[in-house]
């Protein structure tokens, strides 16, 4: 994989988790980045989405991010698009990137990104939040187990309490912890360090600790 200075990273979702991750990608000196989100900034977002201010309410999140990054990170080449990734545009939108960071809060979107990254052979770092719990999952990196999918890691069907996330129930420190976990995984990938496909890092906000599970590969 390309190094941090030349890698093209796509962040899907510019909400609470996406904003915290983007802030950390600045610290990694990622210079080429794409951002995809079709939402607008709402007043209720401001509590946990710290990139936005009251002046941004009603603006497209992608536009608000572009304006801020032009000021705080003028060196960054940012492609910010005000649209959601869907089955009709996923391939063309993600092609040409070296790494995808999934910050969506919808399991249908996560499954779509999983399939697209598998087809395109692009590493996927997926973050998830549910109340005071968080997860970071790595898939499709160029190492053993590249063929693993979300279905191999998670069993069962999508439940009604998992189909979407009420961010008002997620503590800020849990959001920060998951963004930091995603950032660490992304840094390892960009540095060319050895990584494990199917590695699932679970964060317990109550205990403030991480537990890592690695998928057992079969011959």
N, C-alpha and C. Protein backbone atom coordinates (compact mmCIF):
# COMPACT_ATOMS: atom_id res chain seq x y z
N UNK A 1 0.84 -1.20 0.00
CA UNK A 1 0.00 0.00 0.00
C UNK A 1 0.88 1.25 0.00
N UNK A 2 0.33 2.33 -0.60
CA UNK A 2 1.06 3.59 -0.61
C UNK A 2 1.23 4.12 0.81
N UNK A 3 2.22 4.99 1.01
CA UNK A 3 2.44 5.60 2.30
C UNK A 3 1.43 6.69 2.57
N UNK A 4 1.51 7.26 3.77
CA UNK A 4 0.52 8.25 4.19
C UNK A 4 0.48 9.47 3.27
N UNK A 5 1.63 9.85 2.73
CA UNK A 5 1.68 11.07 1.94
C UNK A 5 1.02 10.92 0.58
N UNK A 6 0.89 9.70 0.07
CA UNK A 6 0.35 9.51 -1.27
C UNK A 6 -0.91 8.65 -1.31
N UNK A 7 -1.28 8.00 -0.21
CA UNK A 7 -2.46 7.14 -0.19
C UNK A 7 -3.73 7.97 -0.32
N UNK A 8 -4.71 7.40 -1.00
CA UNK A 8 -6.02 8.04 -1.15
C UNK A 8 -7.02 7.31 -0.24
N UNK A 9 -7.51 8.03 0.75
CA UNK A 9 -8.41 7.47 1.75
C UNK A 9 -9.80 8.04 1.55
N UNK A 10 -10.81 7.16 1.54
CA UNK A 10 -12.20 7.61 1.44
C UNK A 10 -12.89 7.39 2.78
N UNK A 11 -13.51 8.42 3.30
CA UNK A 11 -14.29 8.34 4.54
C UNK A 11 -15.76 8.39 4.17
N UNK A 12 -16.50 7.38 4.57
CA UNK A 12 -17.92 7.31 4.25
C UNK A 12 -18.71 7.66 5.51
N UNK A 13 -19.32 8.83 5.49
CA UNK A 13 -20.09 9.29 6.65
C UNK A 13 -19.37 10.42 7.37
N UNK A 14 -20.01 11.58 7.47
CA UNK A 14 -19.40 12.74 8.13
C UNK A 14 -20.18 13.14 9.37
N UNK A 15 -20.66 12.13 10.10
CA UNK A 15 -21.35 12.39 11.35
C UNK A 15 -20.39 12.44 12.52
N UNK A 16 -20.83 11.98 13.68
CA UNK A 16 -20.00 12.05 14.88
C UNK A 16 -18.72 11.24 14.73
N UNK A 17 -18.85 9.99 14.31
CA UNK A 17 -17.67 9.13 14.17
C UNK A 17 -16.79 9.60 13.02
N UNK A 18 -17.41 9.94 11.89
CA UNK A 18 -16.63 10.40 10.75
C UNK A 18 -15.86 11.67 11.06
N UNK A 19 -16.48 12.59 11.79
CA UNK A 19 -15.81 13.83 12.15
C UNK A 19 -14.62 13.59 13.05
N UNK A 20 -14.79 12.72 14.05
CA UNK A 20 -13.68 12.43 14.96
C UNK A 20 -12.55 11.72 14.20
N UNK A 21 -12.91 10.85 13.26
CA UNK A 21 -11.87 10.17 12.49
C UNK A 21 -11.14 11.15 11.57
N UNK A 22 -11.88 12.01 10.90
CA UNK A 22 -11.25 12.99 10.01
C UNK A 22 -10.26 13.86 10.76
N UNK A 23 -10.62 14.24 11.97
CA UNK A 23 -9.72 15.03 12.80
C UNK A 23 -8.41 14.27 13.04
N UNK A 24 -8.50 12.96 13.24
CA UNK A 24 -7.32 12.15 13.50
C UNK A 24 -6.51 11.89 12.22
N UNK A 25 -7.18 11.83 11.09
CA UNK A 25 -6.46 11.66 9.83
C UNK A 25 -5.58 12.87 9.54
N UNK A 26 -6.00 14.04 10.00
CA UNK A 26 -5.14 15.21 9.87
C UNK A 26 -3.83 14.99 10.63
N UNK A 27 -3.93 14.36 11.79
CA UNK A 27 -2.73 14.07 12.57
C UNK A 27 -1.83 13.05 11.91
N UNK A 28 -2.41 12.20 11.05
CA UNK A 28 -1.61 11.22 10.31
C UNK A 28 -1.02 11.83 9.04
N UNK A 29 -1.37 13.08 8.75
CA UNK A 29 -0.87 13.80 7.57
C UNK A 29 -1.30 13.12 6.27
N UNK A 30 -2.52 12.55 6.27
CA UNK A 30 -3.08 12.06 5.03
C UNK A 30 -3.36 13.26 4.13
N UNK A 31 -2.89 13.23 2.89
CA UNK A 31 -2.98 14.40 2.02
C UNK A 31 -4.07 14.29 0.96
N UNK A 32 -4.48 13.07 0.64
CA UNK A 32 -5.50 12.88 -0.40
C UNK A 32 -6.69 12.14 0.20
N UNK A 33 -7.82 12.81 0.27
CA UNK A 33 -8.95 12.21 0.97
C UNK A 33 -10.26 12.53 0.23
N UNK A 34 -11.16 11.56 0.25
CA UNK A 34 -12.51 11.76 -0.25
C UNK A 34 -13.48 11.62 0.92
N UNK A 35 -14.57 12.35 0.84
CA UNK A 35 -15.61 12.31 1.88
C UNK A 35 -16.96 12.20 1.19
N UNK A 36 -17.77 11.24 1.64
CA UNK A 36 -19.10 11.05 1.07
C UNK A 36 -20.15 11.10 2.17
N UNK A 37 -21.09 12.02 2.04
CA UNK A 37 -22.21 12.10 2.97
C UNK A 37 -23.28 13.00 2.35
N UNK A 38 -24.50 12.51 2.27
CA UNK A 38 -25.58 13.29 1.67
C UNK A 38 -26.42 14.06 2.66
N UNK A 39 -26.08 14.01 3.95
CA UNK A 39 -26.89 14.67 4.98
C UNK A 39 -26.57 16.16 5.09
N UNK A 40 -27.50 16.86 5.72
CA UNK A 40 -27.30 18.25 6.10
C UNK A 40 -27.09 18.35 7.62
N UNK A 41 -26.45 19.40 8.05
CA UNK A 41 -26.22 19.63 9.48
C UNK A 41 -27.52 20.04 10.14
N UNK A 42 -27.87 19.36 11.23
CA UNK A 42 -29.05 19.70 12.02
C UNK A 42 -28.62 20.21 13.39
N UNK A 43 -29.50 20.94 14.03
CA UNK A 43 -29.17 21.51 15.34
C UNK A 43 -28.81 20.42 16.33
N UNK A 44 -29.51 19.27 16.26
CA UNK A 44 -29.22 18.18 17.19
C UNK A 44 -27.87 17.53 16.98
N UNK A 45 -27.24 17.80 15.83
CA UNK A 45 -25.92 17.21 15.57
C UNK A 45 -24.81 17.87 16.39
N UNK A 46 -25.02 19.10 16.79
CA UNK A 46 -23.91 19.89 17.32
C UNK A 46 -23.34 19.34 18.63
N UNK A 47 -24.13 18.58 19.38
CA UNK A 47 -23.65 18.07 20.66
C UNK A 47 -22.50 17.10 20.47
N UNK A 48 -22.58 16.22 19.45
CA UNK A 48 -21.58 15.18 19.27
C UNK A 48 -20.81 15.28 17.96
N UNK A 49 -21.14 16.24 17.13
CA UNK A 49 -20.44 16.41 15.86
C UNK A 49 -19.69 17.73 15.90
N UNK A 50 -18.47 17.66 16.43
CA UNK A 50 -17.78 18.87 16.87
C UNK A 50 -17.14 19.65 15.73
N UNK A 51 -17.15 19.10 14.53
CA UNK A 51 -16.63 19.87 13.40
C UNK A 51 -17.61 20.99 13.01
N UNK A 52 -18.88 20.87 13.41
CA UNK A 52 -19.88 21.82 12.97
C UNK A 52 -20.18 22.86 14.03
N UNK A 53 -20.65 24.02 13.58
CA UNK A 53 -21.03 25.12 14.45
C UNK A 53 -22.48 25.51 14.11
N UNK A 54 -23.10 26.35 14.95
CA UNK A 54 -24.47 26.80 14.63
C UNK A 54 -24.59 27.42 13.24
N UNK A 55 -23.53 28.03 12.76
CA UNK A 55 -23.57 28.64 11.43
C UNK A 55 -23.71 27.60 10.32
N UNK A 56 -23.39 26.34 10.62
CA UNK A 56 -23.45 25.29 9.62
C UNK A 56 -24.83 24.64 9.51
N UNK A 57 -25.73 24.93 10.43
CA UNK A 57 -27.05 24.30 10.43
C UNK A 57 -27.75 24.55 9.09
N UNK A 58 -28.22 23.49 8.48
CA UNK A 58 -28.87 23.59 7.18
C UNK A 58 -27.94 23.37 6.01
N UNK A 59 -26.63 23.46 6.25
CA UNK A 59 -25.65 23.25 5.18
C UNK A 59 -25.42 21.77 4.96
N UNK A 60 -25.01 21.40 3.76
CA UNK A 60 -24.59 20.04 3.50
C UNK A 60 -23.32 19.75 4.28
N UNK A 61 -23.27 18.59 4.92
CA UNK A 61 -22.11 18.26 5.75
C UNK A 61 -20.82 18.26 4.93
N UNK A 62 -20.89 17.74 3.72
CA UNK A 62 -19.69 17.70 2.88
C UNK A 62 -19.18 19.11 2.59
N UNK A 63 -20.10 20.04 2.34
CA UNK A 63 -19.69 21.42 2.07
C UNK A 63 -19.08 22.07 3.31
N UNK A 64 -19.69 21.80 4.48
CA UNK A 64 -19.17 22.37 5.72
C UNK A 64 -17.77 21.85 6.02
N UNK A 65 -17.56 20.55 5.80
CA UNK A 65 -16.24 19.98 6.02
C UNK A 65 -15.22 20.58 5.06
N UNK A 66 -15.60 20.72 3.80
CA UNK A 66 -14.67 21.27 2.81
C UNK A 66 -14.21 22.67 3.22
N UNK A 67 -15.15 23.48 3.64
CA UNK A 67 -14.82 24.85 4.02
C UNK A 67 -13.85 24.88 5.20
N UNK A 68 -14.07 24.02 6.18
CA UNK A 68 -13.20 24.02 7.36
C UNK A 68 -11.81 23.49 7.04
N UNK A 69 -11.76 22.42 6.24
CA UNK A 69 -10.46 21.83 5.93
C UNK A 69 -9.63 22.76 5.05
N UNK A 70 -10.27 23.56 4.23
CA UNK A 70 -9.53 24.53 3.43
C UNK A 70 -8.80 25.53 4.31
N UNK A 71 -9.35 25.74 5.51
CA UNK A 71 -8.74 26.69 6.45
C UNK A 71 -7.69 26.03 7.33
N UNK A 72 -8.00 24.86 7.89
CA UNK A 72 -7.09 24.25 8.87
C UNK A 72 -6.10 23.29 8.24
N UNK A 73 -6.37 22.81 7.03
CA UNK A 73 -5.46 21.87 6.37
C UNK A 73 -5.39 22.19 4.88
N UNK A 74 -4.85 23.36 4.52
CA UNK A 74 -4.82 23.75 3.10
C UNK A 74 -3.98 22.82 2.24
N UNK A 75 -3.10 22.04 2.86
CA UNK A 75 -2.26 21.10 2.11
C UNK A 75 -3.06 19.90 1.61
N UNK A 76 -4.23 19.64 2.20
CA UNK A 76 -4.97 18.43 1.88
C UNK A 76 -5.78 18.60 0.60
N UNK A 77 -5.70 17.59 -0.25
CA UNK A 77 -6.55 17.54 -1.44
C UNK A 77 -7.81 16.77 -1.07
N UNK A 78 -8.94 17.48 -0.95
CA UNK A 78 -10.18 16.88 -0.47
C UNK A 78 -11.22 16.85 -1.58
N UNK A 79 -11.77 15.68 -1.80
CA UNK A 79 -12.91 15.51 -2.69
C UNK A 79 -14.12 15.23 -1.82
N UNK A 80 -14.93 16.25 -1.54
CA UNK A 80 -16.08 16.11 -0.66
C UNK A 80 -17.35 16.10 -1.50
N UNK A 81 -18.08 14.99 -1.44
CA UNK A 81 -19.27 14.84 -2.27
C UNK A 81 -20.52 14.70 -1.42
N UNK A 82 -21.53 15.50 -1.74
CA UNK A 82 -22.78 15.52 -0.99
C UNK A 82 -23.74 14.46 -1.52
N UNK A 83 -23.38 13.21 -1.32
CA UNK A 83 -24.25 12.10 -1.72
C UNK A 83 -23.90 10.88 -0.90
N UNK A 84 -24.86 9.98 -0.82
CA UNK A 84 -24.65 8.73 -0.12
C UNK A 84 -24.09 7.69 -1.09
N UNK A 85 -23.33 6.75 -0.57
CA UNK A 85 -22.87 5.62 -1.36
C UNK A 85 -24.01 4.60 -1.43
N UNK A 86 -24.37 4.20 -2.64
CA UNK A 86 -25.43 3.20 -2.80
C UNK A 86 -25.01 2.19 -3.86
N UNK A 87 -25.90 1.23 -4.12
CA UNK A 87 -25.56 0.15 -5.05
C UNK A 87 -25.27 0.67 -6.45
N UNK A 88 -25.87 1.81 -6.81
CA UNK A 88 -25.68 2.33 -8.14
C UNK A 88 -24.39 3.10 -8.35
N UNK A 89 -23.78 3.60 -7.26
CA UNK A 89 -22.57 4.42 -7.44
C UNK A 89 -21.36 3.92 -6.67
N UNK A 90 -21.50 2.83 -5.92
CA UNK A 90 -20.41 2.39 -5.03
C UNK A 90 -19.12 2.10 -5.81
N UNK A 91 -19.21 1.37 -6.90
CA UNK A 91 -18.01 0.97 -7.63
C UNK A 91 -17.25 2.18 -8.16
N UNK A 92 -17.96 3.08 -8.82
CA UNK A 92 -17.28 4.24 -9.40
C UNK A 92 -16.80 5.20 -8.32
N UNK A 93 -17.53 5.30 -7.20
CA UNK A 93 -17.15 6.22 -6.13
C UNK A 93 -15.90 5.76 -5.39
N UNK A 94 -15.79 4.45 -5.16
CA UNK A 94 -14.69 3.93 -4.35
C UNK A 94 -13.46 3.57 -5.17
N UNK A 95 -13.62 3.35 -6.46
CA UNK A 95 -12.47 2.99 -7.30
C UNK A 95 -11.40 4.07 -7.23
N UNK A 96 -10.16 3.65 -7.23
CA UNK A 96 -9.04 4.58 -7.20
C UNK A 96 -8.56 4.93 -5.81
N UNK A 97 -9.28 4.47 -4.78
CA UNK A 97 -8.84 4.71 -3.41
C UNK A 97 -7.98 3.54 -2.91
N UNK A 98 -7.14 3.83 -1.95
CA UNK A 98 -6.27 2.81 -1.38
C UNK A 98 -6.82 2.25 -0.08
N UNK A 99 -7.81 2.93 0.51
CA UNK A 99 -8.36 2.50 1.79
C UNK A 99 -9.71 3.16 1.98
N UNK A 100 -10.68 2.40 2.51
CA UNK A 100 -12.01 2.93 2.79
C UNK A 100 -12.25 2.88 4.29
N UNK A 101 -12.70 4.01 4.85
CA UNK A 101 -13.07 4.09 6.27
C UNK A 101 -14.58 4.22 6.36
N UNK A 102 -15.22 3.21 6.91
CA UNK A 102 -16.68 3.17 7.02
C UNK A 102 -17.11 3.75 8.36
N UNK A 103 -17.73 4.93 8.30
CA UNK A 103 -18.23 5.59 9.51
C UNK A 103 -19.75 5.73 9.46
N UNK A 104 -20.41 4.84 8.73
CA UNK A 104 -21.86 4.88 8.62
C UNK A 104 -22.50 4.29 9.88
N UNK A 105 -23.80 4.54 10.05
CA UNK A 105 -24.52 4.01 11.21
C UNK A 105 -25.66 3.09 10.77
N UNK A 106 -25.54 2.51 9.59
CA UNK A 106 -26.58 1.67 9.00
C UNK A 106 -25.95 0.37 8.53
N UNK A 107 -26.45 -0.76 9.02
CA UNK A 107 -25.83 -2.05 8.66
C UNK A 107 -26.03 -2.41 7.20
N UNK A 108 -27.08 -1.91 6.57
CA UNK A 108 -27.25 -2.15 5.14
C UNK A 108 -26.14 -1.45 4.35
N UNK A 109 -25.80 -0.22 4.77
CA UNK A 109 -24.71 0.50 4.13
C UNK A 109 -23.38 -0.21 4.37
N UNK A 110 -23.19 -0.73 5.57
CA UNK A 110 -21.95 -1.44 5.88
C UNK A 110 -21.80 -2.70 5.03
N UNK A 111 -22.89 -3.41 4.84
CA UNK A 111 -22.83 -4.61 4.00
C UNK A 111 -22.53 -4.24 2.55
N UNK A 112 -23.10 -3.13 2.07
CA UNK A 112 -22.83 -2.66 0.72
C UNK A 112 -21.35 -2.31 0.56
N UNK A 113 -20.80 -1.59 1.52
CA UNK A 113 -19.38 -1.22 1.45
C UNK A 113 -18.48 -2.46 1.51
N UNK A 114 -18.87 -3.43 2.30
CA UNK A 114 -18.12 -4.69 2.39
C UNK A 114 -18.06 -5.36 1.01
N UNK A 115 -19.19 -5.47 0.35
CA UNK A 115 -19.23 -6.11 -0.96
C UNK A 115 -18.43 -5.32 -1.99
N UNK A 116 -18.55 -4.01 -1.97
CA UNK A 116 -17.84 -3.19 -2.94
C UNK A 116 -16.33 -3.26 -2.73
N UNK A 117 -15.88 -3.19 -1.47
CA UNK A 117 -14.45 -3.26 -1.19
C UNK A 117 -13.89 -4.63 -1.54
N UNK A 118 -14.67 -5.69 -1.32
CA UNK A 118 -14.24 -7.03 -1.71
C UNK A 118 -14.04 -7.11 -3.22
N UNK A 119 -15.01 -6.60 -3.98
CA UNK A 119 -14.92 -6.65 -5.44
C UNK A 119 -13.76 -5.82 -5.97
N UNK A 120 -13.48 -4.70 -5.31
CA UNK A 120 -12.41 -3.80 -5.76
C UNK A 120 -11.07 -4.10 -5.12
N UNK A 121 -11.03 -5.04 -4.17
CA UNK A 121 -9.80 -5.38 -3.43
C UNK A 121 -9.21 -4.16 -2.75
N UNK A 122 -10.07 -3.40 -2.05
CA UNK A 122 -9.64 -2.23 -1.30
C UNK A 122 -9.82 -2.51 0.19
N UNK A 123 -8.80 -2.32 1.02
CA UNK A 123 -8.94 -2.53 2.46
C UNK A 123 -10.06 -1.68 3.05
N UNK A 124 -10.82 -2.28 3.96
CA UNK A 124 -11.95 -1.61 4.60
C UNK A 124 -11.76 -1.61 6.11
N UNK A 125 -11.78 -0.42 6.70
CA UNK A 125 -11.77 -0.27 8.16
C UNK A 125 -13.15 0.25 8.55
N UNK A 126 -13.91 -0.58 9.26
CA UNK A 126 -15.31 -0.27 9.56
C UNK A 126 -15.49 -0.03 11.05
N UNK A 127 -16.05 1.13 11.39
CA UNK A 127 -16.33 1.45 12.78
C UNK A 127 -17.82 1.41 13.05
N UNK A 128 -18.20 1.01 14.26
CA UNK A 128 -19.61 0.93 14.63
C UNK A 128 -19.78 1.33 16.08
N UNK A 129 -20.97 1.86 16.40
CA UNK A 129 -21.29 2.33 17.74
C UNK A 129 -22.69 1.86 18.13
N UNK A 130 -22.84 1.50 19.39
CA UNK A 130 -24.16 1.16 19.92
C UNK A 130 -24.14 1.44 21.42
N UNK A 131 -24.80 2.53 21.81
CA UNK A 131 -24.79 2.97 23.21
C UNK A 131 -23.34 3.14 23.68
N UNK A 132 -22.91 2.44 24.74
CA UNK A 132 -21.54 2.66 25.21
C UNK A 132 -20.59 1.59 24.69
N UNK A 133 -20.97 0.93 23.59
CA UNK A 133 -20.13 -0.10 22.99
C UNK A 133 -19.65 0.36 21.62
N UNK A 134 -18.47 -0.10 21.23
CA UNK A 134 -17.94 0.25 19.92
C UNK A 134 -17.18 -0.90 19.31
N UNK A 135 -17.01 -0.85 17.99
CA UNK A 135 -16.31 -1.90 17.27
C UNK A 135 -15.46 -1.30 16.16
N UNK A 136 -14.34 -1.96 15.88
CA UNK A 136 -13.52 -1.64 14.71
C UNK A 136 -13.19 -2.97 14.03
N UNK A 137 -13.55 -3.06 12.76
CA UNK A 137 -13.37 -4.30 12.00
C UNK A 137 -12.51 -4.02 10.77
N UNK A 138 -11.54 -4.89 10.52
CA UNK A 138 -10.69 -4.79 9.33
C UNK A 138 -10.98 -5.93 8.37
N UNK A 139 -11.21 -5.57 7.11
CA UNK A 139 -11.45 -6.55 6.07
C UNK A 139 -10.73 -6.16 4.76
N UNK A 140 -10.43 -7.17 3.94
CA UNK A 140 -9.96 -7.00 2.56
C UNK A 140 -8.58 -6.35 2.44
N UNK A 141 -7.80 -6.36 3.52
CA UNK A 141 -6.41 -5.90 3.40
C UNK A 141 -5.61 -6.95 2.63
N UNK A 142 -4.52 -6.53 2.05
CA UNK A 142 -3.74 -7.42 1.21
C UNK A 142 -2.85 -8.33 2.07
N UNK A 143 -3.49 -9.26 2.71
CA UNK A 143 -2.79 -10.23 3.55
C UNK A 143 -3.68 -11.45 3.68
N UNK A 144 -3.27 -12.39 4.49
CA UNK A 144 -4.04 -13.62 4.66
C UNK A 144 -5.48 -13.30 5.10
N UNK A 145 -6.43 -14.02 4.50
CA UNK A 145 -7.83 -13.81 4.85
C UNK A 145 -8.48 -12.67 4.10
N UNK A 146 -7.88 -12.25 2.98
CA UNK A 146 -8.43 -11.12 2.21
C UNK A 146 -9.85 -11.39 1.75
N UNK A 147 -10.20 -12.68 1.63
CA UNK A 147 -11.53 -13.05 1.13
C UNK A 147 -12.62 -12.98 2.21
N UNK A 148 -12.27 -12.78 3.47
CA UNK A 148 -13.26 -12.73 4.54
C UNK A 148 -14.22 -11.56 4.34
N UNK A 149 -15.47 -11.76 4.73
CA UNK A 149 -16.49 -10.72 4.63
C UNK A 149 -17.13 -10.50 5.99
N UNK A 150 -18.02 -9.51 6.07
CA UNK A 150 -18.75 -9.26 7.32
C UNK A 150 -19.55 -10.49 7.71
N UNK A 151 -20.09 -11.20 6.72
CA UNK A 151 -20.89 -12.39 7.01
C UNK A 151 -20.07 -13.47 7.70
N UNK A 152 -18.76 -13.50 7.45
CA UNK A 152 -17.90 -14.48 8.11
C UNK A 152 -17.63 -14.12 9.56
N UNK A 153 -17.72 -12.84 9.87
CA UNK A 153 -17.42 -12.36 11.22
C UNK A 153 -18.67 -12.29 12.08
N UNK A 154 -19.77 -11.86 11.48
CA UNK A 154 -21.03 -11.70 12.21
C UNK A 154 -22.03 -12.75 11.74
N UNK A 155 -22.68 -13.39 12.69
CA UNK A 155 -23.70 -14.39 12.36
C UNK A 155 -25.09 -13.80 12.58
N UNK A 156 -26.09 -14.37 11.90
CA UNK A 156 -27.47 -13.96 12.13
C UNK A 156 -27.91 -12.82 11.25
N UNK A 157 -29.16 -12.42 11.41
CA UNK A 157 -29.76 -11.35 10.64
C UNK A 157 -29.68 -10.02 11.38
N UNK A 158 -29.90 -8.96 10.63
CA UNK A 158 -29.93 -7.63 11.23
C UNK A 158 -31.16 -7.51 12.11
N UNK A 159 -30.96 -7.14 13.37
CA UNK A 159 -32.07 -6.96 14.30
C UNK A 159 -32.58 -5.54 14.26
N UNK A 160 -33.81 -5.30 14.72
CA UNK A 160 -34.38 -3.95 14.67
C UNK A 160 -33.59 -2.94 15.50
N UNK A 161 -32.91 -3.38 16.56
CA UNK A 161 -32.14 -2.45 17.38
C UNK A 161 -30.77 -2.16 16.79
N UNK A 162 -30.39 -2.88 15.71
CA UNK A 162 -29.10 -2.67 15.07
C UNK A 162 -29.22 -1.90 13.77
N UNK A 163 -30.45 -1.80 13.24
CA UNK A 163 -30.64 -1.18 11.94
C UNK A 163 -30.70 0.33 12.10
N UNK A 164 -29.51 0.92 12.27
CA UNK A 164 -29.41 2.34 12.54
C UNK A 164 -28.96 2.57 13.97
N UNK A 165 -28.47 3.76 14.24
CA UNK A 165 -27.93 4.04 15.57
C UNK A 165 -28.44 5.39 16.06
N UNK A 166 -28.98 5.42 17.26
CA UNK A 166 -29.38 6.68 17.88
C UNK A 166 -28.15 7.26 18.56
N UNK A 167 -27.52 8.23 17.90
CA UNK A 167 -26.26 8.76 18.41
C UNK A 167 -26.44 9.51 19.73
N UNK A 168 -27.68 9.93 20.03
CA UNK A 168 -27.90 10.61 21.30
C UNK A 168 -27.63 9.69 22.49
N UNK A 169 -27.63 8.38 22.25
CA UNK A 169 -27.39 7.42 23.33
C UNK A 169 -25.92 7.00 23.42
N UNK A 170 -25.09 7.54 22.56
CA UNK A 170 -23.68 7.15 22.55
C UNK A 170 -22.84 8.21 23.25
N UNK A 171 -22.14 7.85 24.33
CA UNK A 171 -21.29 8.82 25.02
C UNK A 171 -20.16 9.31 24.13
N UNK A 172 -19.77 10.55 24.31
CA UNK A 172 -18.72 11.13 23.49
C UNK A 172 -17.41 10.38 23.63
N UNK A 173 -17.09 9.88 24.82
CA UNK A 173 -15.82 9.19 24.98
C UNK A 173 -15.81 7.87 24.22
N UNK A 174 -16.98 7.25 24.01
CA UNK A 174 -17.03 6.03 23.21
C UNK A 174 -16.80 6.35 21.74
N UNK A 175 -17.39 7.45 21.25
CA UNK A 175 -17.16 7.88 19.88
C UNK A 175 -15.67 8.15 19.66
N UNK A 176 -15.06 8.87 20.59
CA UNK A 176 -13.64 9.18 20.48
C UNK A 176 -12.78 7.92 20.49
N UNK A 177 -13.13 6.97 21.34
CA UNK A 177 -12.35 5.74 21.45
C UNK A 177 -12.40 4.96 20.14
N UNK A 178 -13.58 4.85 19.53
CA UNK A 178 -13.70 4.11 18.28
C UNK A 178 -12.98 4.83 17.14
N UNK A 179 -13.08 6.15 17.09
CA UNK A 179 -12.34 6.91 16.08
C UNK A 179 -10.84 6.70 16.24
N UNK A 180 -10.37 6.68 17.48
CA UNK A 180 -8.95 6.44 17.74
C UNK A 180 -8.57 5.03 17.32
N UNK A 181 -9.44 4.05 17.60
CA UNK A 181 -9.16 2.68 17.18
C UNK A 181 -9.09 2.55 15.67
N UNK A 182 -10.00 3.21 14.96
CA UNK A 182 -9.96 3.21 13.50
C UNK A 182 -8.68 3.87 12.99
N UNK A 183 -8.31 4.96 13.62
CA UNK A 183 -7.10 5.68 13.22
C UNK A 183 -5.86 4.81 13.39
N UNK A 184 -5.79 4.06 14.47
CA UNK A 184 -4.64 3.17 14.69
C UNK A 184 -4.55 2.10 13.60
N UNK A 185 -5.70 1.53 13.26
CA UNK A 185 -5.71 0.50 12.22
C UNK A 185 -5.32 1.10 10.88
N UNK A 186 -5.84 2.27 10.57
CA UNK A 186 -5.50 2.94 9.32
C UNK A 186 -4.01 3.26 9.27
N UNK A 187 -3.47 3.74 10.38
CA UNK A 187 -2.03 4.04 10.43
C UNK A 187 -1.20 2.79 10.17
N UNK A 188 -1.60 1.66 10.74
CA UNK A 188 -0.87 0.42 10.52
C UNK A 188 -0.90 0.02 9.04
N UNK A 189 -2.06 0.17 8.42
CA UNK A 189 -2.17 -0.15 7.00
C UNK A 189 -1.28 0.76 6.15
N UNK A 190 -1.33 2.05 6.42
CA UNK A 190 -0.56 3.00 5.62
C UNK A 190 0.94 2.87 5.84
N UNK A 191 1.33 2.35 6.99
CA UNK A 191 2.76 2.14 7.25
C UNK A 191 3.26 0.80 6.72
N UNK A 192 2.33 0.01 6.19
CA UNK A 192 2.72 -1.29 5.66
C UNK A 192 2.98 -2.32 6.73
N UNK A 193 2.43 -2.12 7.93
CA UNK A 193 2.62 -3.08 9.01
C UNK A 193 1.74 -4.31 8.79
N UNK A 194 2.10 -5.39 9.42
CA UNK A 194 1.31 -6.61 9.28
C UNK A 194 -0.03 -6.44 10.00
N UNK A 195 -1.10 -6.80 9.30
CA UNK A 195 -2.44 -6.67 9.86
C UNK A 195 -3.17 -8.01 9.71
N UNK A 196 -4.30 -8.14 10.39
CA UNK A 196 -5.05 -9.40 10.39
C UNK A 196 -6.46 -9.13 9.88
N UNK A 197 -6.80 -9.68 8.71
CA UNK A 197 -8.16 -9.57 8.21
C UNK A 197 -9.13 -10.30 9.13
N UNK A 198 -10.30 -9.72 9.32
CA UNK A 198 -11.28 -10.31 10.22
C UNK A 198 -11.03 -9.96 11.67
N UNK A 199 -10.01 -9.13 11.94
CA UNK A 199 -9.73 -8.71 13.31
C UNK A 199 -10.83 -7.76 13.78
N UNK A 200 -11.45 -8.08 14.91
CA UNK A 200 -12.56 -7.30 15.44
C UNK A 200 -12.17 -6.77 16.82
N UNK A 201 -12.02 -5.47 16.93
CA UNK A 201 -11.71 -4.82 18.21
C UNK A 201 -13.00 -4.30 18.82
N UNK A 202 -13.30 -4.76 20.03
CA UNK A 202 -14.52 -4.36 20.73
C UNK A 202 -14.17 -3.43 21.88
N UNK A 203 -14.89 -2.30 21.96
CA UNK A 203 -14.65 -1.34 23.03
C UNK A 203 -15.83 -1.34 24.00
N UNK A 204 -15.53 -1.52 25.26
CA UNK A 204 -16.53 -1.48 26.33
C UNK A 204 -16.40 -0.14 27.04
N UNK A 205 -17.36 0.76 26.79
CA UNK A 205 -17.28 2.08 27.38
C UNK A 205 -17.44 2.07 28.89
N UNK A 206 -18.19 1.08 29.41
CA UNK A 206 -18.35 0.99 30.85
C UNK A 206 -17.05 0.65 31.55
N UNK A 207 -16.31 -0.28 30.96
CA UNK A 207 -15.03 -0.70 31.52
C UNK A 207 -13.86 0.11 30.96
N UNK A 208 -14.12 0.87 29.88
CA UNK A 208 -13.09 1.65 29.20
C UNK A 208 -11.91 0.76 28.79
N UNK A 209 -12.23 -0.33 28.12
CA UNK A 209 -11.17 -1.23 27.68
C UNK A 209 -11.53 -1.87 26.35
N UNK A 210 -10.50 -2.35 25.66
CA UNK A 210 -10.63 -3.00 24.36
C UNK A 210 -10.40 -4.50 24.50
N UNK A 211 -11.14 -5.25 23.70
CA UNK A 211 -10.92 -6.69 23.57
C UNK A 211 -10.82 -6.99 22.07
N UNK A 212 -9.84 -7.77 21.67
CA UNK A 212 -9.65 -8.09 20.26
C UNK A 212 -9.95 -9.56 19.99
N UNK A 213 -10.76 -9.79 18.94
CA UNK A 213 -11.06 -11.14 18.47
C UNK A 213 -10.52 -11.28 17.06
N UNK A 214 -9.87 -12.39 16.78
CA UNK A 214 -9.34 -12.64 15.44
C UNK A 214 -10.06 -13.85 14.85
N UNK A 215 -10.53 -13.69 13.63
CA UNK A 215 -11.27 -14.76 12.96
C UNK A 215 -10.34 -15.93 12.71
N UNK A 216 -10.81 -17.13 13.00
CA UNK A 216 -10.00 -18.34 12.80
C UNK A 216 -10.07 -18.72 11.32
N UNK A 217 -8.95 -18.62 10.62
CA UNK A 217 -8.89 -19.00 9.22
C UNK A 217 -8.80 -20.50 9.10
N UNK A 218 -9.51 -21.06 8.12
CA UNK A 218 -9.48 -22.51 7.91
C UNK A 218 -8.78 -22.80 6.59
N UNK A 219 -8.12 -23.92 6.54
CA UNK A 219 -7.40 -24.30 5.33
C UNK A 219 -8.35 -24.96 4.33
